[in-house]
Amino acid sequence: MQHELLQNMNIVSTGLRLLLALVCGGLLGLERGKKKRPAGFRTHMLVCVGSALAMITNQYMAEHYTGIDASRMASQVISGIGFLGAGTIMVTGLQKIRGLTTAAGLWVVACIGLAFGTGFYSGGIIATVMCYVINTVLHRFETRMETNARVIGLYVELADVSYVGKLLEKLRQLDINVTEFETGKARMSDNHVGVLLVVKLVHFVQHSEVIEQLELVEGVSFVEEVNCCLLYTSDAADE
């Protein structure tokens, strides 16, 4: 009897579904908000509640009107949330990607809202717990892996292109192999040359130590670790 009450369309079922979407969406958004991400507490709440309401409305229409596809509104929510998620992704001036996890989180929150909206309570709760663990516990594990990586990306600004040789010579002295190398416009100063490179550490050293050593090279004005996949092309640098 209680199971039917929660699965059928009624005020108790509707209220519980929206409440669970509110709580679970807020829980996941709270973690993002603490890290000052673009979409935080209220955004996740709104997305999850909105998705749940869309699914409840879809179920209501399917029960009261003939010829209604019960999955149509859900598919539109899943595809449409991509526009909101894309708005949280940005590439900074120093070639760092930010917002990917937040965008993925918004998409998952929308799916959680759909689960609650259709009355799939266990699936929504389990997904919420798993996402919370991913964003909190596994975040530390990911950070540790990135810190200990042997392959790193570096962005270096030189006073002049003639100092490239000194930079490469220093990397050889540190027993660091350069696997990718590209030059373009500097991000910090128009008078300097920007260099993006991917290097492989033959013997592991702290990434901060590598940066400190490169900052001592003649002609180097700025060094920062960046994402390895963001080597820009000459065309992109000219834009």
C-alpha atoms as a PDB file:
ATOM      1  CA  MET A   1       0.000   0.000   0.000  1.00  0.00           C
ATOM      2  CA  GLN A   2       2.778   2.411   0.927  1.00  0.00           C
ATOM      3  CA  HIS A   3       4.714   1.437  -2.195  1.00  0.00           C
ATOM      4  CA  GLU A   4       1.737   2.285  -4.401  1.00  0.00           C
ATOM      5  CA  LEU A   5       1.303   5.582  -2.579  1.00  0.00           C
ATOM      6  CA  LEU A   6       4.881   6.597  -3.393  1.00  0.00           C
ATOM      7  CA  GLN A   7       4.811   5.390  -7.000  1.00  0.00           C
ATOM      8  CA  ASN A   8       1.433   6.750  -8.096  1.00  0.00           C
ATOM      9  CA  MET A   9       0.724  10.374  -8.903  1.00  0.00           C
ATOM     10  CA  ASN A  10      -0.478  12.093  -5.718  1.00  0.00           C
ATOM     11  CA  ILE A  11       0.466  14.985  -3.489  1.00  0.00           C
ATOM     12  CA  VAL A  12       2.575  12.812  -1.142  1.00  0.00           C
ATOM     13  CA  SER A  13       4.547  11.218  -3.986  1.00  0.00           C
ATOM     14  CA  THR A  14       5.064  14.542  -5.756  1.00  0.00           C
ATOM     15  CA  GLY A  15       6.220  16.276  -2.584  1.00  0.00           C
ATOM     16  CA  LEU A  16       8.644  13.466  -1.674  1.00  0.00           C
ATOM     17  CA  ARG A  17      10.176  13.354  -5.156  1.00  0.00           C
ATOM     18  CA  LEU A  18      10.755  17.107  -5.264  1.00  0.00           C
ATOM     19  CA  LEU A  19      12.088  17.139  -1.686  1.00  0.00           C
ATOM     20  CA  LEU A  20      14.589  14.382  -2.411  1.00  0.00           C
ATOM     21  CA  ALA A  21      15.695  16.188  -5.564  1.00  0.00           C
ATOM     22  CA  LEU A  22      16.118  19.386  -3.530  1.00  0.00           C
ATOM     23  CA  VAL A  23      18.167  17.712  -0.799  1.00  0.00           C
ATOM     24  CA  CYS A  24      20.353  15.549  -3.044  1.00  0.00           C
ATOM     25  CA  GLY A  25      20.972  18.319  -5.580  1.00  0.00           C
ATOM     26  CA  GLY A  26      21.875  20.697  -2.764  1.00  0.00           C
ATOM     27  CA  LEU A  27      24.232  18.152  -1.188  1.00  0.00           C
ATOM     28  CA  LEU A  28      26.227  17.763  -4.406  1.00  0.00           C
ATOM     29  CA  GLY A  29      26.112  21.497  -5.088  1.00  0.00           C
ATOM     30  CA  LEU A  30      27.396  22.268  -1.600  1.00  0.00           C
ATOM     31  CA  GLU A  31      30.658  20.485  -2.368  1.00  0.00           C
ATOM     32  CA  ARG A  32      31.068  22.472  -5.604  1.00  0.00           C
ATOM     33  CA  GLY A  33      30.207  25.732  -3.858  1.00  0.00           C
ATOM     34  CA  LYS A  34      32.879  25.211  -1.197  1.00  0.00           C
ATOM     35  CA  LYS A  35      35.459  25.055  -3.979  1.00  0.00           C
ATOM     36  CA  LYS A  36      34.155  28.317  -5.522  1.00  0.00           C
ATOM     37  CA  ARG A  37      33.070  26.603  -8.749  1.00  0.00           C
ATOM     38  CA  PRO A  38      30.828  28.421 -11.278  1.00  0.00           C
ATOM     39  CA  ALA A  39      27.740  26.289 -10.531  1.00  0.00           C
ATOM     40  CA  GLY A  40      27.323  25.710  -6.818  1.00  0.00           C
ATOM     41  CA  PHE A  41      24.688  25.042  -4.169  1.00  0.00           C
ATOM     42  CA  ARG A  42      21.628  26.801  -5.610  1.00  0.00           C
ATOM     43  CA  THR A  43      22.395  25.917  -9.246  1.00  0.00           C
ATOM     44  CA  HIS A  44      22.550  22.192  -8.506  1.00  0.00           C
ATOM     45  CA  MET A  45      19.371  22.454  -6.465  1.00  0.00           C
ATOM     46  CA  LEU A  46      17.504  24.174  -9.278  1.00  0.00           C
ATOM     47  CA  VAL A  47      18.717  21.723 -11.925  1.00  0.00           C
ATOM     48  CA  CYS A  48      17.785  18.679  -9.841  1.00  0.00           C
ATOM     49  CA  VAL A  49      14.350  20.003  -8.820  1.00  0.00           C
ATOM     50  CA  GLY A  50      13.638  21.199 -12.364  1.00  0.00           C
ATOM     51  CA  SER A  51      14.540  17.804 -13.810  1.00  0.00           C
ATOM     52  CA  ALA A  52      12.365  16.040 -11.238  1.00  0.00           C
ATOM     53  CA  LEU A  53       9.443  18.349 -11.999  1.00  0.00           C
ATOM     54  CA  ALA A  54       9.868  17.742 -15.737  1.00  0.00           C
ATOM     55  CA  MET A  55       9.667  13.985 -15.173  1.00  0.00           C
ATOM     56  CA  ILE A  56       6.674  14.296 -12.829  1.00  0.00           C
ATOM     57  CA  THR A  57       4.920  16.457 -15.417  1.00  0.00           C
ATOM     58  CA  ASN A  58       5.776  13.917 -18.081  1.00  0.00           C
ATOM     59  CA  GLN A  59       4.267  11.112 -15.987  1.00  0.00           C
ATOM     60  CA  TYR A  60       1.181  13.207 -15.290  1.00  0.00           C
ATOM     61  CA  MET A  61       0.671  13.898 -18.989  1.00  0.00           C
ATOM     62  CA  ALA A  62       1.179  10.226 -19.885  1.00  0.00           C
ATOM     63  CA  GLU A  63      -1.504   9.208 -17.384  1.00  0.00           C
ATOM     64  CA  HIS A  64      -4.050  11.850 -18.354  1.00  0.00           C
ATOM     65  CA  TYR A  65      -3.552  12.232 -22.086  1.00  0.00           C
ATOM     66  CA  THR A  66      -3.377   9.625 -24.830  1.00  0.00           C
ATOM     67  CA  GLY A  67      -0.523   9.391 -27.306  1.00  0.00           C
ATOM     68  CA  ILE A  68       2.085  10.938 -24.963  1.00  0.00           C
ATOM     69  CA  ASP A  69       5.617   9.520 -25.088  1.00  0.00           C
ATOM     70  CA  ALA A  70       6.656   9.050 -21.450  1.00  0.00           C
ATOM     71  CA  SER A  71      10.372   9.346 -22.298  1.00  0.00           C
ATOM     72  CA  ARG A  72      10.304  12.433 -24.521  1.00  0.00           C
ATOM     73  CA  MET A  73      10.647  15.092 -21.828  1.00  0.00           C
ATOM     74  CA  ALA A  74      13.435  13.167 -20.076  1.00  0.00           C
ATOM     75  CA  SER A  75      15.468  12.956 -23.270  1.00  0.00           C
ATOM     76  CA  GLN A  76      15.074  16.693 -23.805  1.00  0.00           C
ATOM     77  CA  VAL A  77      16.300  17.422 -20.275  1.00  0.00           C
ATOM     78  CA  ILE A  78      19.390  15.218 -20.677  1.00  0.00           C
ATOM     79  CA  SER A  79      20.365  16.807 -23.994  1.00  0.00           C
ATOM     80  CA  GLY A  80      19.380  20.331 -22.989  1.00  0.00           C
ATOM     81  CA  ILE A  81      21.431  20.368 -19.787  1.00  0.00           C
ATOM     82  CA  GLY A  82      24.532  20.297 -21.990  1.00  0.00           C
ATOM     83  CA  PHE A  83      24.083  23.985 -22.765  1.00  0.00           C
ATOM     84  CA  LEU A  84      24.129  24.862 -19.078  1.00  0.00           C
ATOM     85  CA  GLY A  85      27.108  22.594 -18.442  1.00  0.00           C
ATOM     86  CA  ALA A  86      29.060  24.076 -21.347  1.00  0.00           C
ATOM     87  CA  GLY A  87      28.685  27.501 -19.752  1.00  0.00           C
ATOM     88  CA  THR A  88      30.701  26.358 -16.723  1.00  0.00           C
ATOM     89  CA  ILE A  89      33.695  25.194 -18.801  1.00  0.00           C
ATOM     90  CA  MET A  90      36.367  27.738 -19.576  1.00  0.00           C
ATOM     91  CA  VAL A  91      39.993  27.844 -20.651  1.00  0.00           C
ATOM     92  CA  THR A  92      41.942  30.482 -18.761  1.00  0.00           C
ATOM     93  CA  GLY A  93      44.506  32.762 -20.317  1.00  0.00           C
ATOM     94  CA  LEU A  94      47.265  30.509 -19.027  1.00  0.00           C
ATOM     95  CA  GLN A  95      45.796  27.442 -20.730  1.00  0.00           C
ATOM     96  CA  LYS A  96      44.070  25.805 -17.781  1.00  0.00           C
ATOM     97  CA  ILE A  97      40.746  24.026 -18.235  1.00  0.00           C
ATOM     98  CA  ARG A  98      38.264  24.718 -15.463  1.00  0.00           C
ATOM     99  CA  GLY A  99      34.687  23.576 -14.981  1.00  0.00           C
ATOM    100  CA  LEU A 100      34.730  20.098 -16.525  1.00  0.00           C
ATOM    101  CA  THR A 101      33.841  18.365 -13.252  1.00  0.00           C
ATOM    102  CA  THR A 102      31.135  20.931 -12.535  1.00  0.00           C
ATOM    103  CA  ALA A 103      29.646  20.458 -16.011  1.00  0.00           C
ATOM    104  CA  ALA A 104      29.636  16.679 -15.587  1.00  0.00           C
ATOM    105  CA  GLY A 105      28.117  17.117 -12.123  1.00  0.00           C
ATOM    106  CA  LEU A 106      25.258  19.212 -13.504  1.00  0.00           C
ATOM    107  CA  TRP A 107      24.499  16.531 -16.073  1.00  0.00           C
ATOM    108  CA  VAL A 108      24.462  13.818 -13.389  1.00  0.00           C
ATOM    109  CA  VAL A 109      22.316  15.983 -11.101  1.00  0.00           C
ATOM    110  CA  ALA A 110      19.799  16.339 -13.926  1.00  0.00           C
ATOM    111  CA  CYS A 111      19.710  12.541 -14.280  1.00  0.00           C
ATOM    112  CA  ILE A 112      19.268  12.189 -10.509  1.00  0.00           C
ATOM    113  CA  GLY A 113      16.360  14.612 -10.692  1.00  0.00           C
ATOM    114  CA  LEU A 114      14.800  12.547 -13.472  1.00  0.00           C
ATOM    115  CA  ALA A 115      15.203   9.408 -11.343  1.00  0.00           C
ATOM    116  CA  PHE A 116      13.384  10.998  -8.415  1.00  0.00           C
ATOM    117  CA  GLY A 117      10.804  12.500 -10.738  1.00  0.00           C
ATOM    118  CA  THR A 118       9.856   9.110 -12.103  1.00  0.00           C
ATOM    119  CA  GLY A 119       9.754   7.543  -8.618  1.00  0.00           C
ATOM    120  CA  PHE A 120      13.054   5.644  -8.878  1.00  0.00           C
ATOM    121  CA  TYR A 121      14.069   6.612  -5.345  1.00  0.00           C
ATOM    122  CA  SER A 122      16.779   4.004  -4.744  1.00  0.00           C
ATOM    123  CA  GLY A 123      18.583   4.866  -7.995  1.00  0.00           C
ATOM    124  CA  GLY A 124      18.578   8.585  -7.213  1.00  0.00           C
ATOM    125  CA  ILE A 125      19.869   8.093  -3.658  1.00  0.00           C
ATOM    126  CA  ILE A 126      22.598   5.623  -4.672  1.00  0.00           C
ATOM    127  CA  ALA A 127      23.755   7.937  -7.495  1.00  0.00           C
ATOM    128  CA  THR A 128      23.860  10.886  -5.077  1.00  0.00           C
ATOM    129  CA  VAL A 129      26.060   8.985  -2.617  1.00  0.00           C
ATOM    130  CA  MET A 130      28.387   7.820  -5.386  1.00  0.00           C
ATOM    131  CA  CYS A 131      28.739  11.330  -6.837  1.00  0.00           C
ATOM    132  CA  TYR A 132      29.448  12.787  -3.403  1.00  0.00           C
ATOM    133  CA  VAL A 133      32.202  10.212  -2.824  1.00  0.00           C
ATOM    134  CA  ILE A 134      33.681  10.974  -6.264  1.00  0.00           C
ATOM    135  CA  ASN A 135      33.764  14.722  -5.595  1.00  0.00           C
ATOM    136  CA  THR A 136      35.167  14.506  -2.062  1.00  0.00           C
ATOM    137  CA  VAL A 137      37.142  11.340  -1.329  1.00  0.00           C
ATOM    138  CA  LEU A 138      38.411  10.628  -4.845  1.00  0.00           C
ATOM    139  CA  HIS A 139      39.329  14.287  -5.393  1.00  0.00           C
ATOM    140  CA  ARG A 140      42.253  13.848  -2.995  1.00  0.00           C
ATOM    141  CA  PHE A 141      43.342  10.696  -4.825  1.00  0.00           C
ATOM    142  CA  GLU A 142      43.234  12.495  -8.189  1.00  0.00           C
ATOM    143  CA  THR A 143      45.280  15.403  -6.810  1.00  0.00           C
ATOM    144  CA  ARG A 144      47.909  12.983  -5.497  1.00  0.00           C
ATOM    145  CA  MET A 145      48.134  11.257  -8.888  1.00  0.00           C
ATOM    146  CA  GLU A 146      48.580  14.564 -10.722  1.00  0.00           C
ATOM    147  CA  THR A 147      51.270  15.674  -8.260  1.00  0.00           C
ATOM    148  CA  ASN A 148      53.230  12.453  -8.770  1.00  0.00           C
ATOM    149  CA  ALA A 149      52.870  12.324 -12.563  1.00  0.00           C
ATOM    150  CA  ARG A 150      56.051  11.837 -14.594  1.00  0.00           C
ATOM    151  CA  VAL A 151      54.627  13.701 -17.624  1.00  0.00           C
ATOM    152  CA  ILE A 152      53.795  17.363 -17.054  1.00  0.00           C
ATOM    153  CA  GLY A 153      52.865  20.359 -19.163  1.00  0.00           C
ATOM    154  CA  LEU A 154      54.680  23.655 -18.721  1.00  0.00           C
ATOM    155  CA  TYR A 155      54.046  27.195 -19.894  1.00  0.00           C
ATOM    156  CA  VAL A 156      57.164  29.373 -19.997  1.00  0.00           C
ATOM    157  CA  GLU A 157      57.560  33.017 -20.988  1.00  0.00           C
ATOM    158  CA  LEU A 158      60.916  34.156 -22.383  1.00  0.00           C
ATOM    159  CA  ALA A 159      62.205  37.675 -22.870  1.00  0.00           C
ATOM    160  CA  ASP A 160      63.241  36.716 -26.408  1.00  0.00           C
ATOM    161  CA  VAL A 161      63.162  33.661 -28.654  1.00  0.00           C
ATOM    162  CA  SER A 162      66.961  33.501 -28.473  1.00  0.00           C
ATOM    163  CA  TYR A 163      66.653  32.168 -24.900  1.00  0.00           C
ATOM    164  CA  VAL A 164      64.924  28.984 -26.058  1.00  0.00           C
ATOM    165  CA  GLY A 165      68.293  27.222 -26.299  1.00  0.00           C
ATOM    166  CA  LYS A 166      69.130  28.056 -22.672  1.00  0.00           C
ATOM    167  CA  LEU A 167      65.737  26.706 -21.579  1.00  0.00           C
ATOM    168  CA  LEU A 168      66.234  23.418 -23.416  1.00  0.00           C
ATOM    169  CA  GLU A 169      69.784  23.106 -22.116  1.00  0.00           C
ATOM    170  CA  LYS A 170      68.537  23.501 -18.537  1.00  0.00           C
ATOM    171  CA  LEU A 171      65.957  20.762 -19.089  1.00  0.00           C
ATOM    172  CA  ARG A 172      68.693  18.448 -20.359  1.00  0.00           C
ATOM    173  CA  GLN A 173      70.796  19.199 -17.282  1.00  0.00           C
ATOM    174  CA  LEU A 174      67.826  18.276 -15.084  1.00  0.00           C
ATOM    175  CA  ASP A 175      67.515  14.974 -17.000  1.00  0.00           C
ATOM    176  CA  ILE A 176      64.088  15.952 -18.320  1.00  0.00           C
ATOM    177  CA  ASN A 177      63.012  14.900 -21.817  1.00  0.00           C
ATOM    178  CA  VAL A 178      60.955  17.281 -23.967  1.00  0.00           C
ATOM    179  CA  THR A 179      58.258  15.363 -25.862  1.00  0.00           C
ATOM    180  CA  GLU A 180      56.285  18.311 -27.295  1.00  0.00           C
ATOM    181  CA  PHE A 181      57.308  21.900 -27.860  1.00  0.00           C
ATOM    182  CA  GLU A 182      55.565  24.928 -29.343  1.00  0.00           C
ATOM    183  CA  THR A 183      56.005  28.701 -29.291  1.00  0.00           C
ATOM    184  CA  GLY A 184      53.483  31.491 -29.684  1.00  0.00           C
ATOM    185  CA  LYS A 185      52.345  34.791 -28.219  1.00  0.00           C
ATOM    186  CA  ALA A 186      53.046  35.358 -24.542  1.00  0.00           C
ATOM    187  CA  ARG A 187      50.035  35.519 -22.221  1.00  0.00           C
ATOM    188  CA  MET A 188      51.508  37.835 -19.609  1.00  0.00           C
ATOM    189  CA  SER A 189      53.471  40.315 -21.750  1.00  0.00           C
ATOM    190  CA  ASP A 190      53.211  41.319 -25.420  1.00  0.00           C
ATOM    191  CA  ASN A 191      56.980  41.801 -25.613  1.00  0.00           C
ATOM    192  CA  HIS A 192      57.795  38.241 -24.563  1.00  0.00           C
ATOM    193  CA  VAL A 193      57.591  34.839 -26.239  1.00  0.00           C
ATOM    194  CA  GLY A 194      55.309  32.119 -24.875  1.00  0.00           C
ATOM    195  CA  VAL A 195      56.461  28.502 -24.903  1.00  0.00           C
ATOM    196  CA  LEU A 196      54.208  25.525 -24.229  1.00  0.00           C
ATOM    197  CA  LEU A 197      55.892  22.167 -23.782  1.00  0.00           C
ATOM    198  CA  VAL A 198      55.256  18.673 -22.498  1.00  0.00           C
ATOM    199  CA  VAL A 199      58.144  17.084 -20.623  1.00  0.00           C
ATOM    200  CA  LYS A 200      58.825  13.662 -19.138  1.00  0.00           C
ATOM    201  CA  LEU A 201      60.723  13.266 -15.885  1.00  0.00           C
ATOM    202  CA  VAL A 202      63.313  10.487 -16.149  1.00  0.00           C
ATOM    203  CA  HIS A 203      63.782  10.568 -12.379  1.00  0.00           C
ATOM    204  CA  PHE A 204      60.844  11.786 -10.326  1.00  0.00           C
ATOM    205  CA  VAL A 205      61.177  15.193  -8.687  1.00  0.00           C
ATOM    206  CA  GLN A 206      58.525  17.477  -7.282  1.00  0.00           C
ATOM    207  CA  HIS A 207      56.889  19.575 -10.001  1.00  0.00           C
ATOM    208  CA  SER A 208      57.443  22.694  -7.905  1.00  0.00           C
ATOM    209  CA  GLU A 209      61.199  21.990  -7.893  1.00  0.00           C
ATOM    210  CA  VAL A 210      61.246  21.802 -11.699  1.00  0.00           C
ATOM    211  CA  ILE A 211      59.453  25.144 -11.914  1.00  0.00           C
ATOM    212  CA  GLU A 212      61.858  26.731  -9.415  1.00  0.00           C
ATOM    213  CA  GLN A 213      64.872  25.549 -11.438  1.00  0.00           C
ATOM    214  CA  LEU A 214      63.457  26.869 -14.712  1.00  0.00           C
ATOM    215  CA  GLU A 215      62.685  30.249 -13.146  1.00  0.00           C
ATOM    216  CA  LEU A 216      66.435  30.649 -12.570  1.00  0.00           C
ATOM    217  CA  VAL A 217      67.253  30.290 -16.283  1.00  0.00           C
ATOM    218  CA  GLU A 218      68.422  33.465 -17.998  1.00  0.00           C
ATOM    219  CA  GLY A 219      65.640  35.083 -20.029  1.00  0.00           C
ATOM    220  CA  VAL A 220      62.794  33.240 -18.270  1.00  0.00           C
ATOM    221  CA  SER A 221      60.213  35.611 -16.803  1.00  0.00           C
ATOM    222  CA  PHE A 222      57.361  33.247 -15.921  1.00  0.00           C
ATOM    223  CA  VAL A 223      56.800  29.478 -15.486  1.00  0.00           C
ATOM    224  CA  GLU A 224      53.596  27.599 -14.680  1.00  0.00           C
ATOM    225  CA  GLU A 225      52.341  24.030 -14.883  1.00  0.00           C
ATOM    226  CA  VAL A 226      49.437  23.615 -17.326  1.00  0.00           C
ATOM    227  CA  ASN A 227      47.289  20.901 -18.867  1.00  0.00           C
ATOM    228  CA  CYS A 228      49.316  18.694 -21.198  1.00  0.00           C
ATOM    229  CA  CYS A 229      46.629  18.616 -23.907  1.00  0.00           C
ATOM    230  CA  LEU A 230      46.580  22.376 -24.408  1.00  0.00           C
ATOM    231  CA  LEU A 231      49.498  22.967 -26.732  1.00  0.00           C
ATOM    232  CA  TYR A 232      48.163  25.705 -28.968  1.00  0.00           C
ATOM    233  CA  THR A 233      48.633  25.840 -32.718  1.00  0.00           C
ATOM    234  CA  SER A 234      50.178  28.831 -34.449  1.00  0.00           C
ATOM    235  CA  ASP A 235      46.778  29.723 -35.868  1.00  0.00           C
ATOM    236  CA  ALA A 236      45.176  29.819 -32.411  1.00  0.00           C
ATOM    237  CA  ALA A 237      48.028  31.923 -31.088  1.00  0.00           C
ATOM    238  CA  ASP A 238      47.502  34.523 -33.768  1.00  0.00           C
ATOM    239  CA  GLU A 239      43.826  35.049 -32.900  1.00  0.00           C
END
